[in-house]
Each structure stands twice: as C-alpha cells, then as structure tokens.
Amino acid sequence: MPLLSCLAWIGIVTNPTGEIVTWRGVDKLGTGIFPPPTAERPASHKETAALELWKSVLEAGGANVITTDNVTSMRFAKVCEKSVSVSQLCQQHSDMACLQCHR
C-alpha cells in the first residue's frame, strides 16, 4: 500500500511586538511518496498513481499543492524555516516568553 507524506506552509507575520498575527502570502501543501524513491528503489506505479490522485483531490478542494521527489528533504527545509522564524520571534520577547515559544 502506498504511503504519502504531507506538510503545510502557512504564511503569517507578526507586528514588531508580536501581538498581532497577519496572514501573508499563499498557503502551500507539500506532498510526496514516503520513504522517498531512490535509484535503488524507484517509485512504483501504485505509488505514483496514489500521489497523482491525492494531488488532484487536494487541488479540487482549492489547495496550492507542490509535489516532490524527496519529501524528507522538503520536511527538513520546513523545520529549518520554522526554526529561523521562531528565533526571530524570540528576539522580540523576553527570555521567559521565549521559553513559551518552544513548547
């Protein structure tokens, strides 16, 4: 049975004090076959068909979908992006408030 992995980017920004959150940009959904196909284990026809079906269902619902050959790499990029964002947010708050950011 094919296994797919998904992740979401939701574009938000805060004002300088961090009190107001505003939506910005376009939300995106990333999806791919898991574990990612490799040269030694290429994607099967079932996996590829499942990914295309999933993408079409999401797009029919209005989602902005990005497919990838390496969803693990996409996940890692998202974690790095979030870490930078949280770090910037924490610079605007006291150390105590920063501890709450990382819960």
C-alpha atoms as a PDB file:
ATOM      1  CA  MET A   1       0.000   0.000   0.000  1.00  0.00           C
ATOM      2  CA  PRO A   2       1.480   3.393  -0.982  1.00  0.00           C
ATOM      3  CA  LEU A   3       2.368   5.779   1.812  1.00  0.00           C
ATOM      4  CA  LEU A   4       2.309   9.529   1.193  1.00  0.00           C
ATOM      5  CA  SER A   5       3.646  12.277   3.418  1.00  0.00           C
ATOM      6  CA  CYS A   6       2.320  15.841   3.536  1.00  0.00           C
ATOM      7  CA  LEU A   7       3.292  19.134   5.122  1.00  0.00           C
ATOM      8  CA  ALA A   8       1.880  22.654   5.105  1.00  0.00           C
ATOM      9  CA  TRP A   9       3.386  26.113   4.938  1.00  0.00           C
ATOM     10  CA  ILE A  10       1.062  28.734   6.357  1.00  0.00           C
ATOM     11  CA  GLY A  11       2.251  32.267   5.705  1.00  0.00           C
ATOM     12  CA  ILE A  12       1.957  34.515   8.741  1.00  0.00           C
ATOM     13  CA  VAL A  13       3.861  37.506  10.095  1.00  0.00           C
ATOM     14  CA  THR A  14       3.628  39.397  13.356  1.00  0.00           C
ATOM     15  CA  ASN A  15       3.857  43.082  14.144  1.00  0.00           C
ATOM     16  CA  PRO A  16       7.087  44.258  15.871  1.00  0.00           C
ATOM     17  CA  THR A  17       5.721  43.460  19.352  1.00  0.00           C
ATOM     18  CA  GLY A  18       4.411  40.053  18.303  1.00  0.00           C
ATOM     19  CA  GLU A  19       0.894  40.923  19.461  1.00  0.00           C
ATOM     20  CA  ILE A  20      -0.811  40.865  16.066  1.00  0.00           C
ATOM     21  CA  VAL A  21      -0.584  37.960  13.619  1.00  0.00           C
ATOM     22  CA  THR A  22      -1.382  38.635   9.962  1.00  0.00           C
ATOM     23  CA  TRP A  23      -1.836  36.115   7.151  1.00  0.00           C
ATOM     24  CA  ARG A  24       0.615  36.771   4.324  1.00  0.00           C
ATOM     25  CA  GLY A  25       1.370  35.024   1.106  1.00  0.00           C
ATOM     26  CA  VAL A  26      -0.142  31.824  -0.164  1.00  0.00           C
ATOM     27  CA  ASP A  27      -0.540  28.693   1.937  1.00  0.00           C
ATOM     28  CA  LYS A  28       1.134  25.671   0.339  1.00  0.00           C
ATOM     29  CA  LEU A  29       0.813  21.934   0.821  1.00  0.00           C
ATOM     30  CA  GLY A  30       3.817  19.757   0.033  1.00  0.00           C
ATOM     31  CA  THR A  31       3.392  16.054  -0.618  1.00  0.00           C
ATOM     32  CA  GLY A  32       5.439  13.105  -1.799  1.00  0.00           C
ATOM     33  CA  ILE A  33       5.965   9.374  -1.596  1.00  0.00           C
ATOM     34  CA  PHE A  34       7.396   8.088   1.685  1.00  0.00           C
ATOM     35  CA  PRO A  35      10.018   6.839   2.011  1.00  0.00           C
ATOM     36  CA  PRO A  36      11.303   8.871  -0.931  1.00  0.00           C
ATOM     37  CA  PRO A  37      12.136   6.852  -4.034  1.00  0.00           C
ATOM     38  CA  THR A  38      15.817   6.281  -4.760  1.00  0.00           C
ATOM     39  CA  ALA A  39      17.839   4.946  -7.687  1.00  0.00           C
ATOM     40  CA  GLU A  40      17.884   1.575  -5.926  1.00  0.00           C
ATOM     41  CA  ARG A  41      14.143   1.701  -5.129  1.00  0.00           C
ATOM     42  CA  PRO A  42      12.295   3.767  -7.730  1.00  0.00           C
ATOM     43  CA  ALA A  43       8.663   4.743  -7.185  1.00  0.00           C
ATOM     44  CA  SER A  44       6.233   2.014  -8.138  1.00  0.00           C
ATOM     45  CA  HIS A  45       3.308   2.606 -10.481  1.00  0.00           C
ATOM     46  CA  LYS A  46       0.941   2.292  -7.473  1.00  0.00           C
ATOM     47  CA  GLU A  47       2.864   4.933  -5.507  1.00  0.00           C
ATOM     48  CA  THR A  48       2.933   7.356  -8.437  1.00  0.00           C
ATOM     49  CA  ALA A  49      -0.778   6.835  -9.146  1.00  0.00           C
ATOM     50  CA  ALA A  50      -1.640   7.352  -5.457  1.00  0.00           C
ATOM     51  CA  LEU A  51       0.385  10.589  -5.361  1.00  0.00           C
ATOM     52  CA  GLU A  52      -1.322  11.932  -8.502  1.00  0.00           C
ATOM     53  CA  LEU A  53      -4.769  11.013  -7.147  1.00  0.00           C
ATOM     54  CA  TRP A  54      -4.015  12.691  -3.798  1.00  0.00           C
ATOM     55  CA  LYS A  55      -2.730  15.817  -5.555  1.00  0.00           C
ATOM     56  CA  SER A  56      -5.866  16.029  -7.710  1.00  0.00           C
ATOM     57  CA  VAL A  57      -8.142  15.655  -4.659  1.00  0.00           C
ATOM     58  CA  LEU A  58      -6.294  18.448  -2.831  1.00  0.00           C
ATOM     59  CA  GLU A  59      -6.341  20.723  -5.875  1.00  0.00           C
ATOM     60  CA  ALA A  60     -10.069  20.068  -6.392  1.00  0.00           C
ATOM     61  CA  GLY A  61     -10.512  21.422  -2.863  1.00  0.00           C
ATOM     62  CA  GLY A  62      -8.613  24.595  -3.767  1.00  0.00           C
ATOM     63  CA  ALA A  63      -5.222  23.702  -2.289  1.00  0.00           C
ATOM     64  CA  ASN A  64      -1.939  25.011  -3.660  1.00  0.00           C
ATOM     65  CA  VAL A  65      -0.072  21.674  -3.924  1.00  0.00           C
ATOM     66  CA  ILE A  66       3.630  21.102  -4.508  1.00  0.00           C
ATOM     67  CA  THR A  67       4.782  17.532  -5.169  1.00  0.00           C
ATOM     68  CA  THR A  68       8.355  16.489  -4.569  1.00  0.00           C
ATOM     69  CA  ASP A  69      10.580  13.506  -5.297  1.00  0.00           C
ATOM     70  CA  ASN A  70      12.099  13.828  -1.824  1.00  0.00           C
ATOM     71  CA  VAL A  71       9.507  14.685   0.821  1.00  0.00           C
ATOM     72  CA  THR A  72      12.073  14.121   3.595  1.00  0.00           C
ATOM     73  CA  SER A  73      14.219  16.931   2.203  1.00  0.00           C
ATOM     74  CA  MET A  74      11.126  19.164   1.947  1.00  0.00           C
ATOM     75  CA  ARG A  75      10.277  18.406   5.591  1.00  0.00           C
ATOM     76  CA  PHE A  76      13.824  19.282   6.659  1.00  0.00           C
ATOM     77  CA  ALA A  77      13.635  22.602   4.786  1.00  0.00           C
ATOM     78  CA  LYS A  78      10.358  23.389   6.573  1.00  0.00           C
ATOM     79  CA  VAL A  79      11.878  22.620  10.001  1.00  0.00           C
ATOM     80  CA  CYS A  80      14.817  24.929   9.233  1.00  0.00           C
ATOM     81  CA  GLU A  81      12.448  27.658   8.065  1.00  0.00           C
ATOM     82  CA  LYS A  82      10.363  27.333  11.243  1.00  0.00           C
ATOM     83  CA  SER A  83      13.458  27.427  13.456  1.00  0.00           C
ATOM     84  CA  VAL A  84      14.563  30.697  11.876  1.00  0.00           C
ATOM     85  CA  SER A  85      11.063  32.166  12.271  1.00  0.00           C
ATOM     86  CA  VAL A  86      10.799  31.146  15.942  1.00  0.00           C
ATOM     87  CA  SER A  87      14.283  32.501  16.575  1.00  0.00           C
ATOM     88  CA  GLN A  88      13.309  35.870  15.096  1.00  0.00           C
ATOM     89  CA  LEU A  89      10.093  35.885  17.134  1.00  0.00           C
ATOM     90  CA  CYS A  90      12.006  35.136  20.335  1.00  0.00           C
ATOM     91  CA  GLN A  91      14.327  38.083  19.774  1.00  0.00           C
ATOM     92  CA  GLN A  92      11.257  40.292  20.197  1.00  0.00           C
ATOM     93  CA  HIS A  93      10.239  38.804  23.554  1.00  0.00           C
ATOM     94  CA  SER A  94      11.792  38.327  26.975  1.00  0.00           C
ATOM     95  CA  ASP A  95      13.597  35.080  27.757  1.00  0.00           C
ATOM     96  CA  MET A  96      10.563  33.829  29.735  1.00  0.00           C
ATOM     97  CA  ALA A  97       8.231  34.422  26.803  1.00  0.00           C
ATOM     98  CA  CYS A  98      10.745  32.730  24.519  1.00  0.00           C
ATOM     99  CA  LEU A  99      10.521  29.532  26.558  1.00  0.00           C
ATOM    100  CA  GLN A 100       6.801  29.502  25.803  1.00  0.00           C
ATOM    101  CA  CYS A 101       7.527  29.766  22.058  1.00  0.00           C
ATOM    102  CA  HIS A 102       9.414  26.480  22.118  1.00  0.00           C
ATOM    103  CA  ARG A 103       6.838  24.360  23.948  1.00  0.00           C
END
